[in-house]
Amino acid sequence: MTALVLTGLAVLAAVAWLVLRLPSPASAPDTLATRRAQLQASLDELARARSDGVLDEASFADEQRRLQADMAALAQPAPAPSASRPDRTLWPFALAVFILLPAAAVGLYGYLQGPFWQQLDAAQKAPDAAAAPVDPAAMVARLEARLAKDGSDPEGWRRLGRSYVVLGRPADARRAYDRAAQLAPDDLTLLEGYADAAEPGVAPPPGIAAMIASVEQGILATPDDPRAWVRAGFARSMQGDRTGARDAYARAHELDPQRPEVLAAYAASEYALNPQQPSARAVELYERLLKINPDNGSALWVLGQAAQRAGQPAQARDYWQRLLGLLPADSPMRAQVQRAIDTVAGGAGAP
């Protein structure tokens, strides 16, 4: 049963993380200027990190290319909306969800991208590798020292928070993200990183709490904006308010029923209310999601679970066999799905 609870929480967290990035309306000039300033500040912080020895040349070059590409993209005219533009496919997201399931207890580790974070992780897992070892503690110490001298850099605190997550120091990570939130209270993307360090029963620190409050205020300011409700669903799930999160995603879906990501978030939040026995509403939502994308891994898992409980083992096995075919050969989820298949084949109870 614990596995099922973690399944529900991980699905909810991963979907919420994805839909938090829903595109905003066309940016106003002042918004574009703010974003340019943020990117330039990130480039400056990146240069300081290299000079401080926190980043090696390869990592610096990679991050610099990414930020410069983002900067260049702001100079491009926004494409005209097209009614025929297809929705983004959901199958890569479905695979990501199920790869992340075993890591539900420690948050969305997949958010830690880029060579620098891969080096930190590699150094922690394989310090005796043939390549020159990376000392994550030393790298973090240099970043800590720089922030001790100049603590007014929100991007630096964000990077420090990520580093602490990689090193398994969630309490320190929460403090770092809190400092970043106090310095950049309008940067709601900080909530994504903080979610990796959040722990059940631990109240958000003041800066993050204020940011969550601003998300709720966004609903009052723009009650008909589905993005505001999506952000509210994400924020509420971080606080363990699964019912409130479900209600927020339901409202977002009501306002924007054509967006598959919103439907996925709504379905996952409904499922998370009782992952041991999915509600009829959760099953209905996942059936709709599977019609949009027959390779949606989340839907295949939940519908297989529902079919087994309905006394339809052959149908359950079909859903889970399809899911098994989607998972990479090295996915840790393969063993869990195979056990579920073996369970229905043997006529046992629910997985």
Protein backbone atom coordinates (compact mmCIF):
# COMPACT_ATOMS: atom_id res chain seq x y z
CA MET A 1 0.00 0.00 0.00
CA THR A 2 2.88 2.33 0.72
CA ALA A 3 4.02 1.86 -2.86
CA LEU A 4 0.62 2.93 -4.12
CA VAL A 5 0.59 6.03 -1.95
CA LEU A 6 4.01 6.98 -3.25
CA THR A 7 2.77 6.30 -6.77
CA GLY A 8 -0.06 8.76 -6.37
CA LEU A 9 2.11 11.43 -4.82
CA ALA A 10 4.79 11.07 -7.48
CA VAL A 11 2.31 11.22 -10.34
CA LEU A 12 0.76 14.33 -8.82
CA ALA A 13 4.12 16.01 -8.25
CA ALA A 14 5.47 15.19 -11.70
CA VAL A 15 2.34 16.33 -13.51
CA ALA A 16 2.17 19.49 -11.43
CA TRP A 17 5.80 20.24 -12.17
CA LEU A 18 5.12 19.86 -15.90
CA VAL A 19 1.98 21.97 -16.11
CA LEU A 20 3.51 24.71 -13.96
CA ARG A 21 5.40 25.58 -17.13
CA LEU A 22 2.26 26.25 -19.18
CA PRO A 23 2.96 29.05 -21.66
CA SER A 24 1.86 32.51 -20.66
CA PRO A 25 0.14 34.98 -22.93
CA ALA A 26 2.23 37.21 -25.18
CA SER A 27 4.70 39.03 -22.97
CA ALA A 28 4.38 42.74 -22.47
CA PRO A 29 7.51 44.83 -23.11
CA ASP A 30 8.16 45.24 -19.42
CA THR A 31 7.90 41.48 -18.91
CA LEU A 32 10.41 40.88 -21.71
CA ALA A 33 12.76 43.42 -20.19
CA THR A 34 12.48 41.71 -16.82
CA ARG A 35 13.26 38.34 -18.37
CA ARG A 36 16.25 39.76 -20.25
CA ALA A 37 17.54 41.21 -17.00
CA GLN A 38 17.10 37.84 -15.27
CA LEU A 39 18.99 36.05 -18.05
CA GLN A 40 21.78 38.62 -17.97
CA ALA A 41 22.03 38.22 -14.20
CA SER A 42 22.27 34.46 -14.67
CA LEU A 43 25.08 34.93 -17.20
CA ASP A 44 26.91 37.18 -14.76
CA GLU A 45 26.43 34.67 -11.94
CA LEU A 46 27.68 31.91 -14.23
CA ALA A 47 30.86 33.85 -14.91
CA ARG A 48 31.40 34.38 -11.19
CA ALA A 49 30.86 30.68 -10.55
CA ARG A 50 33.57 29.81 -13.07
CA SER A 51 35.99 32.31 -11.60
CA ASP A 52 35.29 30.95 -8.13
CA GLY A 53 36.03 27.43 -9.30
CA VAL A 54 32.46 26.22 -8.80
CA LEU A 55 32.07 25.34 -12.50
CA ASP A 56 34.59 23.77 -14.83
CA GLU A 57 35.06 25.08 -18.38
CA ALA A 58 32.88 22.44 -20.04
CA SER A 59 29.98 23.04 -17.68
CA PHE A 60 30.39 26.79 -17.99
CA ALA A 61 30.30 26.63 -21.78
CA ASP A 62 27.22 24.41 -21.79
CA GLU A 63 25.25 26.63 -19.39
CA GLN A 64 26.40 29.77 -21.20
CA ARG A 65 25.15 28.42 -24.55
CA ARG A 66 21.78 27.60 -23.02
CA LEU A 67 21.34 31.04 -21.45
CA GLN A 68 22.51 32.82 -24.60
CA ALA A 69 20.03 30.80 -26.65
CA ASP A 70 17.26 31.88 -24.27
CA MET A 71 18.41 35.48 -24.60
CA ALA A 72 18.39 35.22 -28.41
CA ALA A 73 14.92 33.70 -28.37
CA LEU A 74 13.54 36.79 -26.65
CA ALA A 75 14.61 38.85 -29.65
CA GLN A 76 12.57 36.71 -32.03
CA PRO A 77 8.99 37.74 -32.86
CA ALA A 78 6.38 35.49 -31.27
CA PRO A 79 4.82 33.07 -33.79
CA ALA A 80 1.25 33.74 -34.78
CA PRO A 81 -1.21 31.39 -33.09
CA SER A 82 -2.43 28.58 -35.28
CA ALA A 83 -5.57 26.59 -34.70
CA SER A 84 -4.01 23.62 -36.43
CA ARG A 85 -0.96 23.45 -34.21
CA PRO A 86 -1.04 20.05 -32.50
CA ASP A 87 -0.81 19.69 -28.75
CA ARG A 88 2.51 18.52 -27.35
CA THR A 89 2.67 14.75 -27.13
CA LEU A 90 2.48 13.36 -23.63
CA TRP A 91 4.33 10.07 -23.99
CA PRO A 92 7.77 11.42 -22.99
CA PHE A 93 6.13 12.86 -19.92
CA ALA A 94 4.48 9.54 -19.15
CA LEU A 95 7.84 7.81 -19.27
CA ALA A 96 9.37 10.49 -17.06
CA VAL A 97 6.62 10.03 -14.49
CA PHE A 98 7.22 6.34 -14.14
CA ILE A 99 10.99 6.68 -14.07
CA LEU A 100 10.56 9.15 -11.20
CA LEU A 101 8.17 7.01 -9.16
CA PRO A 102 10.81 5.21 -7.07
CA ALA A 103 12.27 8.61 -6.14
CA ALA A 104 8.96 10.00 -4.90
CA ALA A 105 10.18 10.26 -1.32
CA VAL A 106 13.00 12.64 -2.27
CA GLY A 107 11.19 14.71 -4.90
CA LEU A 108 11.63 15.36 -8.61
CA TYR A 109 15.28 14.52 -9.06
CA GLY A 110 14.92 14.87 -12.84
CA TYR A 111 14.74 18.63 -12.35
CA LEU A 112 18.48 18.66 -11.67
CA GLN A 113 19.69 18.93 -15.24
CA GLY A 114 22.90 20.04 -16.88
CA PRO A 115 26.53 18.86 -16.71
CA PHE A 116 27.26 20.60 -13.41
CA TRP A 117 24.50 18.75 -11.57
CA GLN A 118 25.36 15.48 -13.34
CA GLN A 119 28.93 15.87 -12.14
CA LEU A 120 27.77 16.38 -8.58
CA ASP A 121 25.63 13.27 -8.75
CA ALA A 122 28.35 11.23 -10.45
CA ALA A 123 30.89 12.29 -7.86
CA GLN A 124 28.57 11.21 -5.06
CA LYS A 125 27.73 7.83 -6.62
CA ALA A 126 31.08 6.90 -8.13
CA PRO A 127 33.93 8.74 -6.43
CA ASP A 128 36.44 6.08 -7.53
CA ALA A 129 35.74 6.40 -11.26
CA ALA A 130 38.72 6.55 -13.60
CA ALA A 131 37.94 10.13 -14.60
CA ALA A 132 39.21 12.94 -12.41
CA PRO A 133 36.87 12.99 -9.42
CA VAL A 134 34.69 15.97 -8.69
CA ASP A 135 34.54 17.00 -5.05
CA PRO A 136 30.93 18.18 -4.60
CA ALA A 137 31.54 19.27 -1.01
CA ALA A 138 34.40 21.52 -2.11
CA MET A 139 32.35 22.97 -4.96
CA VAL A 140 29.47 23.71 -2.61
CA ALA A 141 31.87 25.20 -0.04
CA ARG A 142 33.17 27.65 -2.65
CA LEU A 143 29.64 28.67 -3.55
CA GLU A 144 28.78 29.05 0.13
CA ALA A 145 31.84 31.25 0.64
CA ARG A 146 30.90 33.50 -2.25
CA LEU A 147 27.32 33.88 -1.02
CA ALA A 148 28.61 34.62 2.47
CA LYS A 149 30.43 37.62 1.00
CA ASP A 150 27.61 38.69 -1.31
CA GLY A 151 24.27 37.16 -0.39
CA SER A 152 22.20 39.32 -2.73
CA ASP A 153 22.30 36.87 -5.65
CA PRO A 154 19.04 34.86 -5.92
CA GLU A 155 20.38 32.67 -8.72
CA GLY A 156 23.34 31.74 -6.56
CA TRP A 157 21.03 30.69 -3.74
CA ARG A 158 18.97 28.67 -6.21
CA ARG A 159 22.10 26.83 -7.36
CA LEU A 160 23.10 26.24 -3.77
CA GLY A 161 19.66 24.82 -3.05
CA ARG A 162 19.98 22.43 -5.97
CA SER A 163 23.41 21.37 -4.76
CA TYR A 164 22.08 20.62 -1.29
CA VAL A 165 19.30 18.47 -2.79
CA VAL A 166 21.88 16.44 -4.72
CA LEU A 167 23.95 16.02 -1.57
CA GLY A 168 20.94 14.85 0.43
CA ARG A 169 20.70 17.94 2.65
CA PRO A 170 17.02 18.92 2.32
CA ALA A 171 16.95 21.20 5.37
CA ASP A 172 19.86 23.25 4.00
CA ALA A 173 18.21 23.23 0.58
CA ARG A 174 15.01 24.66 2.04
CA ARG A 175 16.95 27.47 3.68
CA ALA A 176 18.74 28.26 0.41
CA TYR A 177 15.53 28.34 -1.59
CA ASP A 178 13.93 30.49 1.09
CA ARG A 179 16.75 33.02 0.76
CA ALA A 180 16.32 33.00 -3.05
CA ALA A 181 12.57 33.53 -2.65
CA GLN A 182 13.12 36.49 -0.36
CA LEU A 183 15.42 38.08 -2.94
CA ALA A 184 13.23 37.24 -5.95
CA PRO A 185 9.65 37.01 -4.64
CA ASP A 186 8.13 37.12 -8.14
CA ASP A 187 10.16 34.20 -9.50
CA LEU A 188 7.59 31.44 -9.05
CA THR A 189 9.91 28.90 -10.71
CA LEU A 190 11.69 28.73 -7.35
CA LEU A 191 8.75 26.66 -6.15
CA GLU A 192 9.80 23.93 -8.57
CA GLY A 193 13.21 23.61 -6.96
CA TYR A 194 11.82 23.90 -3.46
CA ALA A 195 9.50 20.96 -4.18
CA ASP A 196 12.58 18.72 -4.39
CA ALA A 197 13.51 19.67 -0.82
CA ALA A 198 10.02 19.74 0.70
CA GLU A 199 9.21 17.11 3.31
CA PRO A 200 5.82 16.02 4.70
CA GLY A 201 4.94 17.82 7.89
CA VAL A 202 7.60 20.51 7.45
CA ALA A 203 6.07 23.96 6.98
CA PRO A 204 7.51 26.11 4.18
CA PRO A 205 9.92 28.81 5.38
CA PRO A 206 8.80 32.48 5.29
CA GLY A 207 10.02 33.34 1.78
CA ILE A 208 8.46 30.25 0.21
CA ALA A 209 5.28 30.68 2.27
CA ALA A 210 4.95 34.22 0.97
CA MET A 211 5.42 32.98 -2.58
CA ILE A 212 2.72 30.35 -2.07
CA ALA A 213 0.44 33.05 -0.69
CA SER A 214 1.07 35.14 -3.80
CA VAL A 215 0.00 32.19 -5.92
CA GLU A 216 -3.29 32.05 -4.03
CA GLN A 217 -3.67 35.79 -4.46
CA GLY A 218 -3.20 35.28 -8.19
CA ILE A 219 -6.45 33.34 -8.22
CA LEU A 220 -8.28 36.31 -6.72
CA ALA A 221 -6.66 38.70 -9.19
CA THR A 222 -7.27 36.51 -12.28
CA PRO A 223 -10.02 34.02 -11.42
CA ASP A 224 -10.57 33.09 -15.07
CA ASP A 225 -6.92 32.34 -15.85
CA PRO A 226 -6.30 28.56 -15.94
CA ARG A 227 -2.58 29.11 -15.35
CA ALA A 228 -3.34 30.74 -12.00
CA TRP A 229 -5.32 27.67 -10.96
CA VAL A 230 -2.59 25.31 -12.15
CA ARG A 231 -0.04 27.16 -10.04
CA ALA A 232 -2.43 27.03 -7.10
CA GLY A 233 -2.80 23.27 -7.53
CA PHE A 234 0.96 22.87 -7.49
CA ALA A 235 1.36 25.09 -4.42
CA ARG A 236 -1.39 23.31 -2.53
CA SER A 237 0.07 19.89 -3.30
CA MET A 238 3.39 21.09 -1.85
CA GLN A 239 1.57 21.82 1.40
CA GLY A 240 -0.05 18.40 1.45
CA ASP A 241 -3.51 19.77 0.61
CA ARG A 242 -4.46 17.10 -1.89
CA THR A 243 -8.16 17.98 -1.90
CA GLY A 244 -7.38 21.66 -2.48
CA ALA A 245 -4.96 20.72 -5.23
CA ARG A 246 -7.59 18.57 -6.93
CA ASP A 247 -10.13 21.40 -6.76
CA ALA A 248 -7.65 23.85 -8.29
CA TYR A 249 -6.77 21.52 -11.15
CA ALA A 250 -10.46 20.81 -11.72
CA ARG A 251 -11.11 24.53 -12.09
CA ALA A 252 -8.14 24.88 -14.46
CA HIS A 253 -9.53 22.06 -16.59
CA GLU A 254 -12.97 23.66 -16.58
CA LEU A 255 -11.43 26.87 -17.91
CA ASP A 256 -9.13 25.14 -20.43
CA PRO A 257 -10.61 21.71 -21.28
CA GLN A 258 -8.65 21.36 -24.52
CA ARG A 259 -5.18 21.27 -22.99
CA PRO A 260 -4.00 17.69 -22.34
CA GLU A 261 -1.51 18.79 -19.67
CA VAL A 262 -4.29 20.27 -17.57
CA LEU A 263 -6.37 17.13 -17.98
CA ALA A 264 -3.36 15.07 -16.90
CA ALA A 265 -2.88 17.21 -13.80
CA TYR A 266 -6.56 16.96 -12.92
CA ALA A 267 -6.54 13.18 -13.37
CA ALA A 268 -3.39 12.74 -11.28
CA SER A 269 -4.70 14.92 -8.46
CA GLU A 270 -7.98 13.01 -8.39
CA TYR A 271 -6.08 9.72 -8.33
CA ALA A 272 -3.81 10.93 -5.52
CA LEU A 273 -6.81 11.27 -3.20
CA ASN A 274 -7.04 7.48 -3.02
CA PRO A 275 -4.34 5.67 -5.02
CA GLN A 276 -5.25 2.35 -3.39
CA GLN A 277 -8.70 2.45 -4.96
CA PRO A 278 -9.05 5.00 -7.80
CA SER A 279 -12.35 6.83 -7.83
CA ALA A 280 -14.77 6.57 -10.73
CA ARG A 281 -13.88 10.15 -11.60
CA ALA A 282 -10.16 9.36 -11.74
CA VAL A 283 -10.84 6.38 -14.02
CA GLU A 284 -13.02 8.52 -16.29
CA LEU A 285 -10.35 11.21 -16.55
CA TYR A 286 -7.63 8.70 -17.36
CA GLU A 287 -9.83 7.06 -19.98
CA ARG A 288 -10.17 10.44 -21.67
CA LEU A 289 -6.42 10.98 -21.38
CA LEU A 290 -5.70 7.60 -22.96
CA LYS A 291 -7.92 8.45 -25.92
CA ILE A 292 -5.84 11.57 -26.50
CA ASN A 293 -2.59 9.63 -26.17
CA PRO A 294 -2.74 5.80 -26.23
CA ASP A 295 0.82 5.67 -24.86
CA ASN A 296 0.20 7.66 -21.69
CA GLY A 297 1.92 5.59 -19.02
CA SER A 298 0.05 7.10 -16.10
CA ALA A 299 -3.29 6.23 -17.67
CA LEU A 300 -2.19 2.69 -18.51
CA TRP A 301 -1.15 2.04 -14.93
CA VAL A 302 -4.29 3.44 -13.30
CA LEU A 303 -6.70 1.88 -15.79
CA GLY A 304 -5.00 -1.48 -15.30
CA GLN A 305 -5.47 -1.08 -11.59
CA ALA A 306 -9.16 -0.21 -12.08
CA ALA A 307 -9.70 -3.14 -14.45
CA GLN A 308 -8.25 -5.58 -11.95
CA ARG A 309 -10.54 -4.29 -9.22
CA ALA A 310 -13.48 -4.61 -11.59
CA GLY A 311 -12.72 -8.32 -12.06
CA GLN A 312 -11.25 -7.92 -15.55
CA PRO A 313 -7.76 -9.47 -15.25
CA ALA A 314 -7.27 -9.83 -19.00
CA GLN A 315 -7.95 -6.13 -19.54
CA ALA A 316 -5.65 -5.21 -16.65
CA ARG A 317 -2.90 -7.38 -18.07
CA ASP A 318 -3.32 -5.73 -21.48
CA TYR A 319 -2.93 -2.24 -20.01
CA TRP A 320 0.16 -3.22 -18.03
CA GLN A 321 1.75 -5.10 -20.92
CA ARG A 322 1.42 -1.96 -23.01
CA LEU A 323 2.98 0.04 -20.19
CA LEU A 324 5.84 -2.44 -19.88
CA GLY A 325 6.57 -1.97 -23.56
CA LEU A 326 6.94 1.78 -23.04
CA LEU A 327 9.43 1.62 -20.18
CA PRO A 328 13.18 1.65 -20.92
CA ALA A 329 15.02 -1.59 -20.29
CA ASP A 330 16.81 -0.15 -17.25
CA SER A 331 13.75 1.49 -15.70
CA PRO A 332 13.25 0.47 -12.06
CA MET A 333 9.50 0.59 -12.70
CA ARG A 334 9.69 -2.48 -14.94
CA ALA A 335 9.92 -4.80 -11.94
CA GLN A 336 6.85 -3.25 -10.31
CA VAL A 337 4.80 -3.46 -13.51
CA GLN A 338 5.92 -7.03 -14.11
CA ARG A 339 4.84 -7.98 -10.60
CA ALA A 340 1.42 -6.49 -11.30
CA ILE A 341 1.18 -8.55 -14.50
CA ASP A 342 2.20 -11.70 -12.65
CA THR A 343 -0.40 -10.93 -9.98
CA VAL A 344 -3.32 -10.86 -12.40
CA ALA A 345 -1.95 -13.89 -14.22
CA GLY A 346 -1.94 -15.77 -10.94
CA GLY A 347 -5.38 -14.57 -9.93
CA ALA A 348 -4.17 -12.71 -6.82
CA GLY A 349 -5.51 -9.49 -5.36
CA ALA A 350 -4.71 -5.91 -6.24
CA PRO A 351 -1.01 -4.92 -6.55
